[in-house]
Amino acid sequence: MKDYDSVIIWLDYFNKNLSREKGRKVSKSLAVYDPLVSELVSAVESLGHSVDKDQINEGARFPKRSHIKSGYIMIEKKGLKKNSLVKGISEKIVVNRAKSKGR
């Protein structure tokens, strides 16, 4: 059954290796190579959203690439638009990647 109170955010939305046709939703400048679920969770939490363990699915397969395991998280809508949420998450992931490479 579909949950209309949540938004699903797939890892493939932020994967720089993918084309827009294959599922990437952000520009290449805001995408990263092979994003991880842990990076996605930390970016979402830094934006002020809470993510429970039951809202994370690391073994799910993105519908456009059903032969490869990807993963997703579910976030409560709270009146947000998915497009702006995805862009904010991608900016946080890029910043967090830059910080971790600087160490």
C-alpha atoms as a PDB file:
ATOM      1  CA  MET A   1       0.000   0.000   0.000  1.00  0.00           C
ATOM      2  CA  LYS A   2       1.261   3.449  -0.889  1.00  0.00           C
ATOM      3  CA  ASP A   3       2.130   5.904   1.852  1.00  0.00           C
ATOM      4  CA  TYR A   4       0.915   9.330   0.726  1.00  0.00           C
ATOM      5  CA  ASP A   5       2.368  11.097   3.778  1.00  0.00           C
ATOM      6  CA  SER A   6       5.964  10.311   2.804  1.00  0.00           C
ATOM      7  CA  VAL A   7       8.386  11.097   0.003  1.00  0.00           C
ATOM      8  CA  ILE A   8      10.769   8.423  -1.269  1.00  0.00           C
ATOM      9  CA  ILE A   9      14.301   9.619  -2.003  1.00  0.00           C
ATOM     10  CA  TRP A  10      16.349   7.131  -4.063  1.00  0.00           C
ATOM     11  CA  LEU A  11      20.150   7.036  -4.124  1.00  0.00           C
ATOM     12  CA  ASP A  12      20.071   7.011  -7.911  1.00  0.00           C
ATOM     13  CA  TYR A  13      18.780  10.587  -7.894  1.00  0.00           C
ATOM     14  CA  PHE A  14      22.296  11.724  -6.857  1.00  0.00           C
ATOM     15  CA  ASN A  15      24.516   9.277  -8.807  1.00  0.00           C
ATOM     16  CA  LYS A  16      26.860  11.091 -11.197  1.00  0.00           C
ATOM     17  CA  ASN A  17      27.442   7.900 -13.184  1.00  0.00           C
ATOM     18  CA  LEU A  18      23.812   7.862 -14.335  1.00  0.00           C
ATOM     19  CA  SER A  19      22.123   9.890 -17.028  1.00  0.00           C
ATOM     20  CA  ARG A  20      18.874  11.719 -16.377  1.00  0.00           C
ATOM     21  CA  GLU A  21      17.180   9.040 -18.452  1.00  0.00           C
ATOM     22  CA  LYS A  22      18.423   6.372 -16.035  1.00  0.00           C
ATOM     23  CA  GLY A  23      17.152   8.214 -12.959  1.00  0.00           C
ATOM     24  CA  ARG A  24      19.472  11.052 -11.930  1.00  0.00           C
ATOM     25  CA  LYS A  25      17.377  14.050 -10.852  1.00  0.00           C
ATOM     26  CA  VAL A  26      20.071  16.658 -10.108  1.00  0.00           C
ATOM     27  CA  SER A  27      22.623  18.322 -12.357  1.00  0.00           C
ATOM     28  CA  LYS A  28      26.049  16.710 -12.603  1.00  0.00           C
ATOM     29  CA  SER A  29      27.568  19.562 -10.584  1.00  0.00           C
ATOM     30  CA  LEU A  30      25.321  18.569  -7.646  1.00  0.00           C
ATOM     31  CA  ALA A  31      25.741  14.811  -8.112  1.00  0.00           C
ATOM     32  CA  VAL A  32      28.410  12.522  -6.643  1.00  0.00           C
ATOM     33  CA  TYR A  33      29.941   9.235  -7.743  1.00  0.00           C
ATOM     34  CA  ASP A  34      28.357   6.200  -6.063  1.00  0.00           C
ATOM     35  CA  PRO A  35      26.437   7.805  -3.181  1.00  0.00           C
ATOM     36  CA  LEU A  36      25.863   5.763  -0.020  1.00  0.00           C
ATOM     37  CA  VAL A  37      22.734   5.392   2.075  1.00  0.00           C
ATOM     38  CA  SER A  38      24.660   6.653   5.110  1.00  0.00           C
ATOM     39  CA  GLU A  39      25.546   9.851   3.208  1.00  0.00           C
ATOM     40  CA  LEU A  40      21.918  10.284   2.232  1.00  0.00           C
ATOM     41  CA  VAL A  41      20.729   9.824   5.817  1.00  0.00           C
ATOM     42  CA  SER A  42      23.274  12.288   7.235  1.00  0.00           C
ATOM     43  CA  ALA A  43      22.364  14.889   4.582  1.00  0.00           C
ATOM     44  CA  VAL A  44      18.650  14.545   5.322  1.00  0.00           C
ATOM     45  CA  GLU A  45      19.235  14.781   9.070  1.00  0.00           C
ATOM     46  CA  SER A  46      21.402  17.879   8.626  1.00  0.00           C
ATOM     47  CA  LEU A  47      18.443  19.492   6.838  1.00  0.00           C
ATOM     48  CA  GLY A  48      16.357  18.961   9.966  1.00  0.00           C
ATOM     49  CA  HIS A  49      14.386  15.832   9.092  1.00  0.00           C
ATOM     50  CA  SER A  50      14.356  12.716  11.234  1.00  0.00           C
ATOM     51  CA  VAL A  51      14.932   9.306   9.657  1.00  0.00           C
ATOM     52  CA  ASP A  52      13.984   6.155  11.557  1.00  0.00           C
ATOM     53  CA  LYS A  53      15.542   2.758  10.873  1.00  0.00           C
ATOM     54  CA  ASP A  54      12.259   1.473   9.420  1.00  0.00           C
ATOM     55  CA  GLN A  55      12.294   4.303   6.853  1.00  0.00           C
ATOM     56  CA  ILE A  56      15.601   3.140   5.330  1.00  0.00           C
ATOM     57  CA  ASN A  57      15.779   0.396   2.709  1.00  0.00           C
ATOM     58  CA  GLU A  58      19.316  -0.367   1.559  1.00  0.00           C
ATOM     59  CA  GLY A  59      18.498  -3.401  -0.572  1.00  0.00           C
ATOM     60  CA  ALA A  60      15.756  -1.929  -2.756  1.00  0.00           C
ATOM     61  CA  ARG A  61      16.098  -1.777  -6.512  1.00  0.00           C
ATOM     62  CA  PHE A  62      15.405   1.451  -8.380  1.00  0.00           C
ATOM     63  CA  PRO A  63      12.697   0.724 -10.971  1.00  0.00           C
ATOM     64  CA  LYS A  64      14.696   2.024 -13.958  1.00  0.00           C
ATOM     65  CA  ARG A  65      17.691  -0.159 -12.980  1.00  0.00           C
ATOM     66  CA  SER A  66      16.035  -3.208 -11.459  1.00  0.00           C
ATOM     67  CA  HIS A  67      19.111  -5.399 -11.939  1.00  0.00           C
ATOM     68  CA  ILE A  68      21.201  -3.364  -9.446  1.00  0.00           C
ATOM     69  CA  LYS A  69      20.542  -2.829  -5.749  1.00  0.00           C
ATOM     70  CA  SER A  70      20.312   0.838  -4.873  1.00  0.00           C
ATOM     71  CA  GLY A  71      18.397   1.913  -1.778  1.00  0.00           C
ATOM     72  CA  TYR A  72      16.099   4.666  -0.607  1.00  0.00           C
ATOM     73  CA  ILE A  73      14.820   6.508   2.428  1.00  0.00           C
ATOM     74  CA  MET A  74      11.347   7.779   3.243  1.00  0.00           C
ATOM     75  CA  ILE A  75      10.810  11.288   4.619  1.00  0.00           C
ATOM     76  CA  GLU A  76       7.602  12.833   5.915  1.00  0.00           C
ATOM     77  CA  LYS A  77       6.207  15.384   3.455  1.00  0.00           C
ATOM     78  CA  LYS A  78       5.460  18.241   5.879  1.00  0.00           C
ATOM     79  CA  GLY A  79       4.324  20.404   2.954  1.00  0.00           C
ATOM     80  CA  LEU A  80       7.681  20.232   1.165  1.00  0.00           C
ATOM     81  CA  LYS A  81       8.110  19.906  -2.562  1.00  0.00           C
ATOM     82  CA  LYS A  82      10.146  16.883  -3.568  1.00  0.00           C
ATOM     83  CA  ASN A  83      12.183  18.829  -6.122  1.00  0.00           C
ATOM     84  CA  SER A  84      13.474  21.389  -3.615  1.00  0.00           C
ATOM     85  CA  LEU A  85      14.110  18.645  -1.064  1.00  0.00           C
ATOM     86  CA  VAL A  86      16.200  16.632  -3.553  1.00  0.00           C
ATOM     87  CA  LYS A  87      18.238  19.717  -4.472  1.00  0.00           C
ATOM     88  CA  GLY A  88      18.903  20.552  -0.815  1.00  0.00           C
ATOM     89  CA  ILE A  89      19.954  16.981  -0.073  1.00  0.00           C
ATOM     90  CA  SER A  90      22.320  16.915  -3.061  1.00  0.00           C
ATOM     91  CA  GLU A  91      23.985  20.155  -1.935  1.00  0.00           C
ATOM     92  CA  LYS A  92      24.528  18.682   1.547  1.00  0.00           C
ATOM     93  CA  ILE A  93      25.983  15.457   0.126  1.00  0.00           C
ATOM     94  CA  VAL A  94      28.454  17.430  -2.032  1.00  0.00           C
ATOM     95  CA  VAL A  95      29.506  19.563   0.960  1.00  0.00           C
ATOM     96  CA  ASN A  96      29.910  16.502   3.198  1.00  0.00           C
ATOM     97  CA  ARG A  97      31.984  14.720   0.539  1.00  0.00           C
ATOM     98  CA  ALA A  98      34.250  17.759   0.194  1.00  0.00           C
ATOM     99  CA  LYS A  99      34.729  17.878   3.988  1.00  0.00           C
ATOM    100  CA  SER A 100      35.592  14.188   4.192  1.00  0.00           C
ATOM    101  CA  LYS A 101      38.141  14.462   1.342  1.00  0.00           C
ATOM    102  CA  GLY A 102      39.758  17.454   3.023  1.00  0.00           C
ATOM    103  CA  ARG A 103      40.648  15.404   6.086  1.00  0.00           C
END
